[in-house]
Amino acid sequence: MAEIITAFVWELLELFLAITGQFLVWALSLGRWRSESLRENESRVFAAAGALSFVREGQRVITSTGLVFAGLAFFHIARFSRAGLCSKALTALNRTRNGMPP
């Protein structure tokens, strides 16, 4: 039973990362690139095995695996930038408590 729940949670996480990747491709490429539909497997026909993207009819297409990597990269960058901002804020707060300028 635990294996079934784990597989279900992993599928939900992968879907969330892929949807985040689709949004990133749409937002950052300004329409020059597009993402592969999650229901279709056009990368099986038009791309090499394991490709993260391919060109079809002059437009870059990001595969579903590429979308998952883009979503994962986004959340890693967000996590590390948040940690950096928190450490700077804590340093400034400690300096203020000790009577030093931030």
PDB file of N, CA and C in Angstrom:
ATOM      1  N   MET A   1       0.812  -1.197   0.000  1.00  0.00           N
ATOM      2  CA  MET A   1       0.000   0.000   0.000  1.00  0.00           C
ATOM      3  C   MET A   1       0.857   1.263   0.000  1.00  0.00           C
ATOM      4  N   ALA A   2       1.970   1.220   0.747  1.00  0.00           N
ATOM      5  CA  ALA A   2       2.847   2.383   0.812  1.00  0.00           C
ATOM      6  C   ALA A   2       3.464   2.690  -0.553  1.00  0.00           C
ATOM      7  N   GLU A   3       3.755   1.650  -1.337  1.00  0.00           N
ATOM      8  CA  GLU A   3       4.340   1.854  -2.662  1.00  0.00           C
ATOM      9  C   GLU A   3       3.356   2.572  -3.591  1.00  0.00           C
ATOM     10  N   ILE A   4       2.082   2.229  -3.465  1.00  0.00           N
ATOM     11  CA  ILE A   4       1.064   2.862  -4.306  1.00  0.00           C
ATOM     12  C   ILE A   4       0.928   4.335  -3.951  1.00  0.00           C
ATOM     13  N   ILE A   5       0.921   4.644  -2.675  1.00  0.00           N
ATOM     14  CA  ILE A   5       0.819   6.035  -2.240  1.00  0.00           C
ATOM     15  C   ILE A   5       2.047   6.819  -2.671  1.00  0.00           C
ATOM     16  N   THR A   6       3.223   6.225  -2.541  1.00  0.00           N
ATOM     17  CA  THR A   6       4.457   6.885  -2.954  1.00  0.00           C
ATOM     18  C   THR A   6       4.455   7.165  -4.450  1.00  0.00           C
ATOM     19  N   ALA A   7       4.015   6.201  -5.239  1.00  0.00           N
ATOM     20  CA  ALA A   7       3.949   6.396  -6.688  1.00  0.00           C
ATOM     21  C   ALA A   7       2.963   7.500  -7.047  1.00  0.00           C
ATOM     22  N   PHE A   8       1.829   7.548  -6.365  1.00  0.00           N
ATOM     23  CA  PHE A   8       0.830   8.576  -6.624  1.00  0.00           C
ATOM     24  C   PHE A   8       1.363   9.965  -6.269  1.00  0.00           C
ATOM     25  N   VAL A   9       2.017  10.082  -5.130  1.00  0.00           N
ATOM     26  CA  VAL A   9       2.589  11.378  -4.715  1.00  0.00           C
ATOM     27  C   VAL A   9       3.681  11.812  -5.692  1.00  0.00           C
ATOM     28  N   TRP A  10       4.508  10.876  -6.151  1.00  0.00           N
ATOM     29  CA  TRP A  10       5.559  11.210  -7.107  1.00  0.00           C
ATOM     30  C   TRP A  10       4.954  11.699  -8.419  1.00  0.00           C
ATOM     31  N   GLU A  11       3.884  11.067  -8.894  1.00  0.00           N
ATOM     32  CA  GLU A  11       3.226  11.506 -10.121  1.00  0.00           C
ATOM     33  C   GLU A  11       2.653  12.911  -9.965  1.00  0.00           C
ATOM     34  N   LEU A  12       2.075  13.199  -8.808  1.00  0.00           N
ATOM     35  CA  LEU A  12       1.562  14.544  -8.563  1.00  0.00           C
ATOM     36  C   LEU A  12       2.694  15.578  -8.549  1.00  0.00           C
ATOM     37  N   LEU A  13       3.804  15.238  -7.925  1.00  0.00           N
ATOM     38  CA  LEU A  13       4.949  16.139  -7.883  1.00  0.00           C
ATOM     39  C   LEU A  13       5.499  16.384  -9.283  1.00  0.00           C
ATOM     40  N   GLU A  14       5.603  15.326 -10.070  1.00  0.00           N
ATOM     41  CA  GLU A  14       6.106  15.468 -11.437  1.00  0.00           C
ATOM     42  C   GLU A  14       5.160  16.320 -12.281  1.00  0.00           C
ATOM     43  N   LEU A  15       3.865  16.146 -12.107  1.00  0.00           N
ATOM     44  CA  LEU A  15       2.883  16.960 -12.827  1.00  0.00           C
ATOM     45  C   LEU A  15       2.998  18.424 -12.418  1.00  0.00           C
ATOM     46  N   PHE A  16       3.168  18.684 -11.127  1.00  0.00           N
ATOM     47  CA  PHE A  16       3.331  20.053 -10.643  1.00  0.00           C
ATOM     48  C   PHE A  16       4.585  20.700 -11.223  1.00  0.00           C
ATOM     49  N   LEU A  17       5.686  19.958 -11.265  1.00  0.00           N
ATOM     50  CA  LEU A  17       6.928  20.497 -11.831  1.00  0.00           C
ATOM     51  C   LEU A  17       6.779  20.758 -13.329  1.00  0.00           C
ATOM     52  N   ALA A  18       6.088  19.863 -14.040  1.00  0.00           N
ATOM     53  CA  ALA A  18       5.901  20.044 -15.483  1.00  0.00           C
ATOM     54  C   ALA A  18       5.020  21.259 -15.773  1.00  0.00           C
ATOM     55  N   ILE A  19       3.981  21.469 -14.987  1.00  0.00           N
ATOM     56  CA  ILE A  19       3.119  22.642 -15.190  1.00  0.00           C
ATOM     57  C   ILE A  19       3.880  23.918 -14.874  1.00  0.00           C
ATOM     58  N   THR A  20       4.711  23.886 -13.835  1.00  0.00           N
ATOM     59  CA  THR A  20       5.565  25.036 -13.541  1.00  0.00           C
ATOM     60  C   THR A  20       6.526  25.298 -14.698  1.00  0.00           C
ATOM     61  N   GLY A  21       7.103  24.234 -15.262  1.00  0.00           N
ATOM     62  CA  GLY A  21       7.988  24.381 -16.420  1.00  0.00           C
ATOM     63  C   GLY A  21       7.259  24.951 -17.623  1.00  0.00           C
ATOM     64  N   GLN A  22       6.012  24.543 -17.850  1.00  0.00           N
ATOM     65  CA  GLN A  22       5.234  25.096 -18.958  1.00  0.00           C
ATOM     66  C   GLN A  22       5.039  26.597 -18.781  1.00  0.00           C
ATOM     67  N   PHE A  23       4.721  27.012 -17.575  1.00  0.00           N
ATOM     68  CA  PHE A  23       4.557  28.435 -17.312  1.00  0.00           C
ATOM     69  C   PHE A  23       5.858  29.195 -17.531  1.00  0.00           C
ATOM     70  N   LEU A  24       6.976  28.626 -17.090  1.00  0.00           N
ATOM     71  CA  LEU A  24       8.267  29.290 -17.271  1.00  0.00           C
ATOM     72  C   LEU A  24       8.624  29.438 -18.747  1.00  0.00           C
ATOM     73  N   VAL A  25       8.391  28.383 -19.535  1.00  0.00           N
ATOM     74  CA  VAL A  25       8.677  28.454 -20.971  1.00  0.00           C
ATOM     75  C   VAL A  25       7.827  29.534 -21.613  1.00  0.00           C
ATOM     76  N   TRP A  26       6.569  29.585 -21.252  1.00  0.00           N
ATOM     77  CA  TRP A  26       5.675  30.587 -21.810  1.00  0.00           C
ATOM     78  C   TRP A  26       6.098  31.999 -21.396  1.00  0.00           C
ATOM     79  N   ALA A  27       6.459  32.178 -20.124  1.00  0.00           N
ATOM     80  CA  ALA A  27       6.776  33.507 -19.614  1.00  0.00           C
ATOM     81  C   ALA A  27       8.150  34.007 -20.061  1.00  0.00           C
ATOM     82  N   LEU A  28       9.139  33.129 -20.082  1.00  0.00           N
ATOM     83  CA  LEU A  28      10.500  33.579 -20.356  1.00  0.00           C
ATOM     84  C   LEU A  28      10.847  33.628 -21.842  1.00  0.00           C
ATOM     85  N   SER A  29      10.180  32.836 -22.671  1.00  0.00           N
ATOM     86  CA  SER A  29      10.546  32.820 -24.087  1.00  0.00           C
ATOM     87  C   SER A  29       9.738  33.805 -24.918  1.00  0.00           C
ATOM     88  N   LEU A  30       8.722  34.398 -24.336  1.00  0.00           N
ATOM     89  CA  LEU A  30       7.872  35.375 -25.018  1.00  0.00           C
ATOM     90  C   LEU A  30       7.290  34.832 -26.322  1.00  0.00           C
ATOM     91  N   GLY A  31       6.894  33.578 -26.314  1.00  0.00           N
ATOM     92  CA  GLY A  31       6.232  32.977 -27.461  1.00  0.00           C
ATOM     93  C   GLY A  31       7.144  32.381 -28.513  1.00  0.00           C
ATOM     94  N   ARG A  32       8.456  32.549 -28.366  1.00  0.00           N
ATOM     95  CA  ARG A  32       9.366  31.977 -29.366  1.00  0.00           C
ATOM     96  C   ARG A  32       9.482  30.473 -29.218  1.00  0.00           C
ATOM     97  N   TRP A  33       9.351  29.985 -28.015  1.00  0.00           N
ATOM     98  CA  TRP A  33       9.403  28.546 -27.749  1.00  0.00           C
ATOM     99  C   TRP A  33       8.024  28.095 -27.296  1.00  0.00           C
ATOM    100  N   ARG A  34       7.787  26.803 -27.403  1.00  0.00           N
ATOM    101  CA  ARG A  34       6.540  26.259 -26.864  1.00  0.00           C
ATOM    102  C   ARG A  34       6.847  24.969 -26.138  1.00  0.00           C
ATOM    103  N   SER A  35       5.921  24.572 -25.304  1.00  0.00           N
ATOM    104  CA  SER A  35       6.117  23.336 -24.553  1.00  0.00           C
ATOM    105  C   SER A  35       5.286  22.227 -25.182  1.00  0.00           C
ATOM    106  N   GLU A  36       5.787  21.025 -25.042  1.00  0.00           N
ATOM    107  CA  GLU A  36       5.078  19.864 -25.542  1.00  0.00           C
ATOM    108  C   GLU A  36       3.849  19.623 -24.667  1.00  0.00           C
ATOM    109  N   SER A  37       2.763  19.245 -25.293  1.00  0.00           N
ATOM    110  CA  SER A  37       1.561  18.908 -24.534  1.00  0.00           C
ATOM    111  C   SER A  37       1.856  17.695 -23.655  1.00  0.00           C
ATOM    112  N   LEU A  38       1.360  17.723 -22.434  1.00  0.00           N
ATOM    113  CA  LEU A  38       1.639  16.628 -21.515  1.00  0.00           C
ATOM    114  C   LEU A  38       0.902  15.354 -21.911  1.00  0.00           C
ATOM    115  N   ARG A  39      -0.124  15.476 -22.730  1.00  0.00           N
ATOM    116  CA  ARG A  39      -0.889  14.308 -23.156  1.00  0.00           C
ATOM    117  C   ARG A  39      -0.338  13.659 -24.415  1.00  0.00           C
ATOM    118  N   GLU A  40       0.418  14.416 -25.201  1.00  0.00           N
ATOM    119  CA  GLU A  40       0.951  13.887 -26.453  1.00  0.00           C
ATOM    120  C   GLU A  40       2.438  13.604 -26.320  1.00  0.00           C
ATOM    121  N   ASN A  41       2.925  12.739 -27.150  1.00  0.00           N
ATOM    122  CA  ASN A  41       4.341  12.390 -27.143  1.00  0.00           C
ATOM    123  C   ASN A  41       4.948  12.697 -28.507  1.00  0.00           C
ATOM    124  N   GLU A  42       4.865  13.954 -28.935  1.00  0.00           N
ATOM    125  CA  GLU A  42       5.440  14.288 -30.232  1.00  0.00           C
ATOM    126  C   GLU A  42       6.958  14.205 -30.211  1.00  0.00           C
ATOM    127  N   SER A  43       7.567  14.225 -29.026  1.00  0.00           N
ATOM    128  CA  SER A  43       9.022  14.107 -28.949  1.00  0.00           C
ATOM    129  C   SER A  43       9.477  12.707 -29.359  1.00  0.00           C
ATOM    130  N   ARG A  44       8.631  11.719 -29.220  1.00  0.00           N
ATOM    131  CA  ARG A  44       8.997  10.362 -29.652  1.00  0.00           C
ATOM    132  C   ARG A  44       9.182  10.295 -31.161  1.00  0.00           C
ATOM    133  N   VAL A  45       8.470  11.142 -31.875  1.00  0.00           N
ATOM    134  CA  VAL A  45       8.541  11.134 -33.338  1.00  0.00           C
ATOM    135  C   VAL A  45       9.616  12.090 -33.849  1.00  0.00           C
ATOM    136  N   PHE A  46       9.703  13.284 -33.270  1.00  0.00           N
ATOM    137  CA  PHE A  46      10.527  14.343 -33.831  1.00  0.00           C
ATOM    138  C   PHE A  46      11.857  14.584 -33.120  1.00  0.00           C
ATOM    139  N   ALA A  47      12.088  13.991 -31.959  1.00  0.00           N
ATOM    140  CA  ALA A  47      13.310  14.278 -31.200  1.00  0.00           C
ATOM    141  C   ALA A  47      14.129  13.007 -30.993  1.00  0.00           C
ATOM    142  N   ALA A  48      15.387  13.225 -30.683  1.00  0.00           N
ATOM    143  CA  ALA A  48      16.253  12.096 -30.337  1.00  0.00           C
ATOM    144  C   ALA A  48      15.862  11.576 -28.956  1.00  0.00           C
ATOM    145  N   ALA A  49      16.251  10.355 -28.661  1.00  0.00           N
ATOM    146  CA  ALA A  49      15.909   9.750 -27.369  1.00  0.00           C
ATOM    147  C   ALA A  49      16.572  10.534 -26.232  1.00  0.00           C
ATOM    148  N   GLY A  50      15.788  10.895 -25.244  1.00  0.00           N
ATOM    149  CA  GLY A  50      16.309  11.604 -24.091  1.00  0.00           C
ATOM    150  C   GLY A  50      16.499  13.092 -24.288  1.00  0.00           C
ATOM    151  N   ALA A  51      16.014  13.628 -25.391  1.00  0.00           N
ATOM    152  CA  ALA A  51      16.204  15.050 -25.664  1.00  0.00           C
ATOM    153  C   ALA A  51      15.346  15.901 -24.728  1.00  0.00           C
ATOM    154  N   LEU A  52      15.865  17.062 -24.349  1.00  0.00           N
ATOM    155  CA  LEU A  52      15.100  17.991 -23.526  1.00  0.00           C
ATOM    156  C   LEU A  52      14.329  18.977 -24.387  1.00  0.00           C
ATOM    157  N   SER A  53      14.762  19.150 -25.634  1.00  0.00           N
ATOM    158  CA  SER A  53      14.057  20.033 -26.563  1.00  0.00           C
ATOM    159  C   SER A  53      14.397  19.622 -27.990  1.00  0.00           C
ATOM    160  N   PHE A  54      13.606  20.114 -28.934  1.00  0.00           N
ATOM    161  CA  PHE A  54      13.851  19.878 -30.352  1.00  0.00           C
ATOM    162  C   PHE A  54      13.204  21.003 -31.138  1.00  0.00           C
ATOM    163  N   VAL A  55      13.570  21.112 -32.408  1.00  0.00           N
ATOM    164  CA  VAL A  55      13.015  22.144 -33.276  1.00  0.00           C
ATOM    165  C   VAL A  55      12.041  21.480 -34.230  1.00  0.00           C
ATOM    166  N   ARG A  56      10.842  22.040 -34.295  1.00  0.00           N
ATOM    167  CA  ARG A  56       9.829  21.541 -35.224  1.00  0.00           C
ATOM    168  C   ARG A  56       9.199  22.735 -35.907  1.00  0.00           C
ATOM    169  N   GLU A  57       9.248  22.743 -37.241  1.00  0.00           N
ATOM    170  CA  GLU A  57       8.697  23.812 -38.070  1.00  0.00           C
ATOM    171  C   GLU A  57       9.250  25.179 -37.651  1.00  0.00           C
ATOM    172  N   GLY A  58      10.529  25.223 -37.340  1.00  0.00           N
ATOM    173  CA  GLY A  58      11.197  26.472 -37.004  1.00  0.00           C
ATOM    174  C   GLY A  58      10.973  26.974 -35.587  1.00  0.00           C
ATOM    175  N   GLN A  59      10.300  26.221 -34.763  1.00  0.00           N
ATOM    176  CA  GLN A  59      10.025  26.649 -33.395  1.00  0.00           C
ATOM    177  C   GLN A  59      10.594  25.629 -32.416  1.00  0.00           C
ATOM    178  N   ARG A  60      11.256  26.116 -31.382  1.00  0.00           N
ATOM    179  CA  ARG A  60      11.824  25.250 -30.352  1.00  0.00           C
ATOM    180  C   ARG A  60      10.692  24.692 -29.504  1.00  0.00           C
ATOM    181  N   VAL A  61      10.704  23.385 -29.286  1.00  0.00           N
ATOM    182  CA  VAL A  61       9.694  22.701 -28.477  1.00  0.00           C
ATOM    183  C   VAL A  61      10.405  22.052 -27.296  1.00  0.00           C
ATOM    184  N   ILE A  62       9.961  22.367 -26.092  1.00  0.00           N
ATOM    185  CA  ILE A  62      10.542  21.786 -24.890  1.00  0.00           C
ATOM    186  C   ILE A  62       9.748  20.520 -24.560  1.00  0.00           C
ATOM    187  N   THR A  63      10.438  19.394 -24.397  1.00  0.00           N
ATOM    188  CA  THR A  63       9.772  18.120 -24.133  1.00  0.00           C
ATOM    189  C   THR A  63       9.260  18.077 -22.690  1.00  0.00           C
ATOM    190  N   SER A  64       8.478  17.074 -22.374  1.00  0.00           N
ATOM    191  CA  SER A  64       7.935  16.957 -21.022  1.00  0.00           C
ATOM    192  C   SER A  64       9.054  16.752 -19.994  1.00  0.00           C
ATOM    193  N   THR A  65      10.108  16.041 -20.374  1.00  0.00           N
ATOM    194  CA  THR A  65      11.256  15.885 -19.469  1.00  0.00           C
ATOM    195  C   THR A  65      11.950  17.227 -19.255  1.00  0.00           C
ATOM    196  N   GLY A  66      12.077  18.008 -20.308  1.00  0.00           N
ATOM    197  CA  GLY A  66      12.659  19.340 -20.186  1.00  0.00           C
ATOM    198  C   GLY A  66      11.824  20.250 -19.307  1.00  0.00           C
ATOM    199  N   LEU A  67      10.493  20.093 -19.370  1.00  0.00           N
ATOM    200  CA  LEU A  67       9.615  20.892 -18.518  1.00  0.00           C
ATOM    201  C   LEU A  67       9.801  20.545 -17.047  1.00  0.00           C
ATOM    202  N   VAL A  68       9.963  19.267 -16.754  1.00  0.00           N
ATOM    203  CA  VAL A  68      10.197  18.852 -15.363  1.00  0.00           C
ATOM    204  C   VAL A  68      11.520  19.424 -14.868  1.00  0.00           C
ATOM    205  N   PHE A  69      12.563  19.369 -15.702  1.00  0.00           N
ATOM    206  CA  PHE A  69      13.852  19.946 -15.304  1.00  0.00           C
ATOM    207  C   PHE A  69      13.756  21.449 -15.111  1.00  0.00           C
ATOM    208  N   ALA A  70      13.003  22.142 -15.966  1.00  0.00           N
ATOM    209  CA  ALA A  70      12.837  23.593 -15.824  1.00  0.00           C
ATOM    210  C   ALA A  70      12.112  23.927 -14.521  1.00  0.00           C
ATOM    211  N   GLY A  71      11.067  23.173 -14.203  1.00  0.00           N
ATOM    212  CA  GLY A  71      10.357  23.402 -12.943  1.00  0.00           C
ATOM    213  C   GLY A  71      11.220  23.119 -11.736  1.00  0.00           C
ATOM    214  N   LEU A  72      11.999  22.049 -11.803  1.00  0.00           N
ATOM    215  CA  LEU A  72      12.899  21.700 -10.708  1.00  0.00           C
ATOM    216  C   LEU A  72      13.977  22.766 -10.529  1.00  0.00           C
ATOM    217  N   ALA A  73      14.532  23.251 -11.625  1.00  0.00           N
ATOM    218  CA  ALA A  73      15.550  24.306 -11.547  1.00  0.00           C
ATOM    219  C   ALA A  73      14.969  25.584 -10.951  1.00  0.00           C
ATOM    220  N   PHE A  74      13.738  25.912 -11.340  1.00  0.00           N
ATOM    221  CA  PHE A  74      13.095  27.114 -10.805  1.00  0.00           C
ATOM    222  C   PHE A  74      12.968  27.039  -9.289  1.00  0.00           C
ATOM    223  N   PHE A  75      12.506  25.896  -8.780  1.00  0.00           N
ATOM    224  CA  PHE A  75      12.326  25.790  -7.339  1.00  0.00           C
ATOM    225  C   PHE A  75      13.651  25.724  -6.587  1.00  0.00           C
ATOM    226  N   HIS A  76      14.691  25.168  -7.201  1.00  0.00           N
ATOM    227  CA  HIS A  76      16.012  25.192  -6.561  1.00  0.00           C
ATOM    228  C   HIS A  76      16.560  26.611  -6.501  1.00  0.00           C
ATOM    229  N   ILE A  77      16.428  27.360  -7.579  1.00  0.00           N
ATOM    230  CA  ILE A  77      16.889  28.751  -7.584  1.00  0.00           C
ATOM    231  C   ILE A  77      16.108  29.570  -6.569  1.00  0.00           C
ATOM    232  N   ALA A  78      14.800  29.360  -6.509  1.00  0.00           N
ATOM    233  CA  ALA A  78      13.973  30.091  -5.544  1.00  0.00           C
ATOM    234  C   ALA A  78      14.380  29.757  -4.114  1.00  0.00           C
ATOM    235  N   ARG A  79      14.675  28.490  -3.864  1.00  0.00           N
ATOM    236  CA  ARG A  79      15.071  28.083  -2.519  1.00  0.00           C
ATOM    237  C   ARG A  79      16.391  28.715  -2.104  1.00  0.00           C
ATOM    238  N   PHE A  80      17.378  28.695  -2.989  1.00  0.00           N
ATOM    239  CA  PHE A  80      18.681  29.247  -2.646  1.00  0.00           C
ATOM    240  C   PHE A  80      18.652  30.762  -2.547  1.00  0.00           C
ATOM    241  N   SER A  81      17.860  31.429  -3.377  1.00  0.00           N
ATOM    242  CA  SER A  81      17.784  32.884  -3.278  1.00  0.00           C
ATOM    243  C   SER A  81      17.051  33.290  -1.999  1.00  0.00           C
ATOM    244  N   ARG A  82      16.047  32.513  -1.613  1.00  0.00           N
ATOM    245  CA  ARG A  82      15.339  32.807  -0.369  1.00  0.00           C
ATOM    246  C   ARG A  82      16.268  32.629   0.825  1.00  0.00           C
ATOM    247  N   ALA A  83      17.100  31.603   0.789  1.00  0.00           N
ATOM    248  CA  ALA A  83      18.040  31.373   1.883  1.00  0.00           C
ATOM    249  C   ALA A  83      19.043  32.514   1.970  1.00  0.00           C
ATOM    250  N   GLY A  84      19.484  33.012   0.824  1.00  0.00           N
ATOM    251  CA  GLY A  84      20.416  34.135   0.825  1.00  0.00           C
ATOM    252  C   GLY A  84      19.785  35.402   1.362  1.00  0.00           C
ATOM    253  N   LEU A  85      18.545  35.660   0.985  1.00  0.00           N
ATOM    254  CA  LEU A  85      17.856  36.851   1.483  1.00  0.00           C
ATOM    255  C   LEU A  85      17.591  36.746   2.972  1.00  0.00           C
ATOM    256  N   CYS A  86      17.252  35.561   3.436  1.00  0.00           N
ATOM    257  CA  CYS A  86      17.001  35.381   4.868  1.00  0.00           C
ATOM    258  C   CYS A  86      18.269  35.606   5.677  1.00  0.00           C
ATOM    259  N   SER A  87      19.398  35.116   5.177  1.00  0.00           N
ATOM    260  CA  SER A  87      20.637  35.293   5.928  1.00  0.00           C
ATOM    261  C   SER A  87      21.041  36.762   5.963  1.00  0.00           C
ATOM    262  N   LYS A  88      20.816  37.494   4.867  1.00  0.00           N
ATOM    263  CA  LYS A  88      21.125  38.931   4.868  1.00  0.00           C
ATOM    264  C   LYS A  88      20.207  39.680   5.823  1.00  0.00           C
ATOM    265  N   ALA A  89      18.923  39.293   5.857  1.00  0.00           N
ATOM    266  CA  ALA A  89      17.984  39.949   6.762  1.00  0.00           C
ATOM    267  C   ALA A  89      18.347  39.668   8.216  1.00  0.00           C
ATOM    268  N   LEU A  90      18.740  38.430   8.520  1.00  0.00           N
ATOM    269  CA  LEU A  90      19.128  38.105   9.891  1.00  0.00           C
ATOM    270  C   LEU A  90      20.400  38.840  10.302  1.00  0.00           C
ATOM    271  N   THR A  91      21.331  38.988   9.384  1.00  0.00           N
ATOM    272  CA  THR A  91      22.556  39.737   9.687  1.00  0.00           C
ATOM    273  C   THR A  91      22.234  41.193   9.992  1.00  0.00           C
ATOM    274  N   ALA A  92      21.360  41.786   9.184  1.00  0.00           N
ATOM    275  CA  ALA A  92      20.967  43.177   9.417  1.00  0.00           C
ATOM    276  C   ALA A  92      20.221  43.322  10.743  1.00  0.00           C
ATOM    277  N   LEU A  93      19.365  42.355  11.065  1.00  0.00           N
ATOM    278  CA  LEU A  93      18.620  42.401  12.320  1.00  0.00           C
ATOM    279  C   LEU A  93      19.562  42.288  13.515  1.00  0.00           C
ATOM    280  N   ASN A  94      20.533  41.397  13.452  1.00  0.00           N
ATOM    281  CA  ASN A  94      21.493  41.249  14.549  1.00  0.00           C
ATOM    282  C   ASN A  94      22.342  42.500  14.722  1.00  0.00           C
ATOM    283  N   ARG A  95      22.717  43.121  13.613  1.00  0.00           N
ATOM    284  CA  ARG A  95      23.507  44.349  13.716  1.00  0.00           C
ATOM    285  C   ARG A  95      22.686  45.459  14.356  1.00  0.00           C
ATOM    286  N   THR A  96      21.404  45.534  14.000  1.00  0.00           N
ATOM    287  CA  THR A  96      20.537  46.573  14.574  1.00  0.00           C
ATOM    288  C   THR A  96      20.364  46.356  16.063  1.00  0.00           C
ATOM    289  N   ARG A  97      20.200  45.116  16.478  1.00  0.00           N
ATOM    290  CA  ARG A  97      20.057  44.823  17.919  1.00  0.00           C
ATOM    291  C   ARG A  97      21.307  45.171  18.698  1.00  0.00           C
ATOM    292  N   ASN A  98      22.454  45.054  18.071  1.00  0.00           N
ATOM    293  CA  ASN A  98      23.723  45.347  18.750  1.00  0.00           C
ATOM    294  C   ASN A  98      24.108  46.808  18.651  1.00  0.00           C
ATOM    295  N   GLY A  99      23.250  47.625  18.065  1.00  0.00           N
ATOM    296  CA  GLY A  99      23.505  49.061  17.991  1.00  0.00           C
ATOM    297  C   GLY A  99      24.368  49.458  16.812  1.00  0.00           C
ATOM    298  N   MET A 100      24.629  48.548  15.895  1.00  0.00           N
ATOM    299  CA  MET A 100      25.438  48.848  14.712  1.00  0.00           C
ATOM    300  C   MET A 100      24.512  49.201  13.554  1.00  0.00           C
ATOM    301  N   PRO A 101      24.992  50.009  12.614  1.00  0.00           N
ATOM    302  CA  PRO A 101      24.156  50.297  11.442  1.00  0.00           C
ATOM    303  C   PRO A 101      24.025  49.052  10.556  1.00  0.00           C
ATOM    304  N   PRO A 102      22.859  48.864   9.935  1.00  0.00           N
ATOM    305  CA  PRO A 102      22.662  47.668   9.102  1.00  0.00           C
ATOM    306  C   PRO A 102      23.443  47.723   7.883  1.00  0.00           C
TER     307      PRO A 102
END
